[in-house]
Amino acid sequence: MMCVICKDEIDKQYNADGVMYWDQGHSAEPLANGRCCTNCNDEIVIPYRMTDMKMTMVGNLYEENKDE
């Protein structure tokens, strides 16, 4: 399976005994439809989601206080 962001092969996850237990990657939403590798998830998707959540919180605070 290929990462929808970097187009590299999605990495496989192994347990401590070396047995592969996951090869489906991570959700790339909301940046892209499909699955992404661990590196893109950690470096791109999660920071994007955190920024999006912060901006939503700021927007909500603005809406709550704009008439004061």
N, C-alpha and C. Protein backbone atom coordinates (compact mmCIF):
# COMPACT_ATOMS: atom_id res chain seq x y z
N MET A 1 0.85 -1.17 0.00
CA MET A 1 0.00 0.00 0.00
C MET A 1 0.90 1.24 0.00
N MET A 2 0.48 2.25 -0.76
CA MET A 2 1.29 3.46 -0.89
C MET A 2 0.68 4.61 -0.08
N CYS A 3 1.54 5.44 0.47
CA CYS A 3 1.14 6.62 1.22
C CYS A 3 0.56 7.65 0.24
N VAL A 4 -0.63 8.18 0.57
CA VAL A 4 -1.26 9.15 -0.33
C VAL A 4 -0.58 10.52 -0.28
N ILE A 5 0.30 10.73 0.68
CA ILE A 5 0.97 12.03 0.80
C ILE A 5 2.35 12.00 0.13
N CYS A 6 3.23 11.11 0.58
CA CYS A 6 4.60 11.09 0.03
C CYS A 6 4.79 10.08 -1.10
N LYS A 7 3.79 9.21 -1.29
CA LYS A 7 3.81 8.19 -2.35
C LYS A 7 4.80 7.05 -2.10
N ASP A 8 5.42 7.00 -0.91
CA ASP A 8 6.28 5.87 -0.56
C ASP A 8 5.42 4.72 -0.03
N GLU A 9 6.04 3.56 0.09
CA GLU A 9 5.35 2.40 0.65
C GLU A 9 5.02 2.66 2.12
N ILE A 10 3.83 2.29 2.53
CA ILE A 10 3.43 2.43 3.93
C ILE A 10 4.20 1.40 4.76
N ASP A 11 4.76 1.88 5.87
CA ASP A 11 5.57 1.03 6.73
C ASP A 11 4.70 0.01 7.45
N LYS A 12 5.34 -1.09 7.80
CA LYS A 12 4.68 -2.15 8.55
C LYS A 12 5.06 -2.01 10.02
N GLN A 13 4.12 -2.35 10.90
CA GLN A 13 4.34 -2.28 12.34
C GLN A 13 4.60 -3.69 12.86
N TYR A 14 5.62 -3.81 13.71
CA TYR A 14 6.01 -5.11 14.26
C TYR A 14 5.97 -5.07 15.78
N ASN A 15 5.59 -6.19 16.39
CA ASN A 15 5.62 -6.26 17.85
C ASN A 15 7.04 -6.61 18.32
N ALA A 16 7.22 -6.73 19.62
CA ALA A 16 8.55 -6.99 20.19
C ALA A 16 9.14 -8.33 19.73
N ASP A 17 8.28 -9.25 19.33
CA ASP A 17 8.75 -10.56 18.85
C ASP A 17 9.05 -10.56 17.35
N GLY A 18 8.91 -9.40 16.72
CA GLY A 18 9.19 -9.30 15.30
C GLY A 18 8.04 -9.74 14.40
N VAL A 19 6.87 -9.91 14.97
CA VAL A 19 5.70 -10.32 14.19
C VAL A 19 4.97 -9.07 13.71
N MET A 20 4.74 -9.01 12.39
CA MET A 20 4.04 -7.87 11.82
C MET A 20 2.57 -7.93 12.24
N TYR A 21 2.07 -6.82 12.80
CA TYR A 21 0.69 -6.80 13.25
C TYR A 21 -0.16 -5.74 12.54
N TRP A 22 0.44 -4.85 11.77
CA TRP A 22 -0.34 -3.81 11.09
C TRP A 22 0.41 -3.32 9.87
N ASP A 23 -0.30 -3.23 8.75
CA ASP A 23 0.32 -2.75 7.51
C ASP A 23 -0.61 -1.81 6.75
N GLN A 24 -1.59 -1.24 7.46
CA GLN A 24 -2.59 -0.39 6.81
C GLN A 24 -2.35 1.11 7.01
N GLY A 25 -1.26 1.49 7.65
CA GLY A 25 -0.93 2.89 7.81
C GLY A 25 -1.89 3.64 8.72
N HIS A 26 -2.01 4.94 8.48
CA HIS A 26 -2.81 5.84 9.30
C HIS A 26 -3.78 6.60 8.40
N SER A 27 -4.86 7.08 8.99
CA SER A 27 -5.79 7.91 8.24
C SER A 27 -5.11 9.23 7.88
N ALA A 28 -5.20 9.62 6.63
CA ALA A 28 -4.61 10.89 6.19
C ALA A 28 -5.60 12.05 6.26
N GLU A 29 -6.80 11.79 6.71
CA GLU A 29 -7.82 12.83 6.84
C GLU A 29 -7.38 13.87 7.87
N PRO A 30 -7.63 15.10 7.71
CA PRO A 30 -8.40 15.75 6.65
C PRO A 30 -7.55 16.24 5.49
N LEU A 31 -6.29 15.90 5.46
CA LEU A 31 -5.43 16.38 4.38
C LEU A 31 -5.66 15.66 3.06
N ALA A 32 -5.97 14.38 3.13
CA ALA A 32 -6.15 13.59 1.91
C ALA A 32 -7.07 12.42 2.22
N ASN A 33 -7.69 11.91 1.20
CA ASN A 33 -8.49 10.70 1.34
C ASN A 33 -7.58 9.51 1.18
N GLY A 34 -7.57 8.64 2.16
CA GLY A 34 -6.75 7.45 2.06
C GLY A 34 -5.87 7.27 3.28
N ARG A 35 -4.81 6.50 3.08
CA ARG A 35 -3.93 6.11 4.17
C ARG A 35 -2.54 6.71 3.97
N CYS A 36 -1.85 6.98 5.08
CA CYS A 36 -0.50 7.54 4.99
C CYS A 36 0.47 6.74 5.85
N CYS A 37 1.74 6.94 5.60
CA CYS A 37 2.80 6.27 6.37
C CYS A 37 2.96 6.93 7.74
N THR A 38 3.69 6.27 8.60
CA THR A 38 3.91 6.79 9.95
C THR A 38 4.62 8.13 9.92
N ASN A 39 5.62 8.29 9.06
CA ASN A 39 6.35 9.55 9.00
C ASN A 39 5.43 10.70 8.60
N CYS A 40 4.63 10.53 7.57
CA CYS A 40 3.71 11.60 7.15
C CYS A 40 2.66 11.87 8.23
N ASN A 41 2.21 10.81 8.90
CA ASN A 41 1.25 10.99 9.98
C ASN A 41 1.86 11.84 11.09
N ASP A 42 3.08 11.49 11.50
CA ASP A 42 3.74 12.19 12.61
C ASP A 42 4.17 13.61 12.25
N GLU A 43 4.65 13.79 11.03
CA GLU A 43 5.24 15.07 10.64
C GLU A 43 4.27 16.03 9.95
N ILE A 44 3.19 15.51 9.37
CA ILE A 44 2.31 16.37 8.59
C ILE A 44 0.86 16.33 9.09
N VAL A 45 0.28 15.12 9.17
CA VAL A 45 -1.15 15.00 9.48
C VAL A 45 -1.46 15.44 10.91
N ILE A 46 -0.74 14.91 11.89
CA ILE A 46 -1.04 15.26 13.29
C ILE A 46 -0.81 16.74 13.56
N PRO A 47 0.31 17.35 13.13
CA PRO A 47 0.44 18.80 13.33
C PRO A 47 -0.68 19.60 12.66
N TYR A 48 -1.12 19.16 11.47
CA TYR A 48 -2.22 19.84 10.80
C TYR A 48 -3.49 19.75 11.64
N ARG A 49 -3.77 18.56 12.15
CA ARG A 49 -4.97 18.40 12.98
C ARG A 49 -4.90 19.26 14.24
N MET A 50 -3.74 19.32 14.86
CA MET A 50 -3.58 20.13 16.07
C MET A 50 -3.82 21.61 15.76
N THR A 51 -3.26 22.09 14.67
CA THR A 51 -3.45 23.48 14.26
C THR A 51 -4.92 23.74 13.95
N ASP A 52 -5.55 22.81 13.27
CA ASP A 52 -6.97 22.95 12.93
C ASP A 52 -7.82 23.02 14.20
N MET A 53 -7.50 22.19 15.19
CA MET A 53 -8.24 22.22 16.46
C MET A 53 -8.05 23.55 17.17
N LYS A 54 -6.81 24.05 17.17
CA LYS A 54 -6.53 25.34 17.83
C LYS A 54 -7.29 26.47 17.14
N MET A 55 -7.29 26.46 15.81
CA MET A 55 -7.99 27.50 15.08
C MET A 55 -9.50 27.43 15.33
N THR A 56 -10.03 26.23 15.44
CA THR A 56 -11.45 26.07 15.75
C THR A 56 -11.75 26.62 17.13
N MET A 57 -10.88 26.34 18.10
CA MET A 57 -11.08 26.84 19.46
C MET A 57 -11.03 28.36 19.48
N VAL A 58 -10.08 28.95 18.76
CA VAL A 58 -9.96 30.41 18.71
C VAL A 58 -11.21 31.00 18.06
N GLY A 59 -11.66 30.40 16.98
CA GLY A 59 -12.87 30.87 16.31
C GLY A 59 -14.08 30.80 17.22
N ASN A 60 -14.18 29.72 17.99
CA ASN A 60 -15.30 29.58 18.92
C ASN A 60 -15.23 30.64 20.02
N LEU A 61 -14.04 30.90 20.54
CA LEU A 61 -13.89 31.93 21.57
C LEU A 61 -14.25 33.30 21.01
N TYR A 62 -13.84 33.57 19.78
CA TYR A 62 -14.17 34.84 19.14
C TYR A 62 -15.68 35.00 19.03
N GLU A 63 -16.34 33.96 18.54
CA GLU A 63 -17.80 34.03 18.37
C GLU A 63 -18.49 34.24 19.71
N GLU A 64 -18.01 33.59 20.76
CA GLU A 64 -18.62 33.74 22.07
C GLU A 64 -18.46 35.15 22.65
N ASN A 65 -17.36 35.81 22.30
CA ASN A 65 -17.03 37.09 22.93
C ASN A 65 -17.13 38.30 22.00
N LYS A 66 -17.58 38.13 20.78
CA LYS A 66 -17.56 39.26 19.84
C LYS A 66 -18.55 40.37 20.18
N ASP A 67 -19.58 40.08 20.94
CA ASP A 67 -20.57 41.11 21.28
C ASP A 67 -20.30 41.79 22.61
N GLU A 68 -19.24 41.38 23.27
CA GLU A 68 -18.95 41.96 24.60
C GLU A 68 -18.22 43.28 24.48
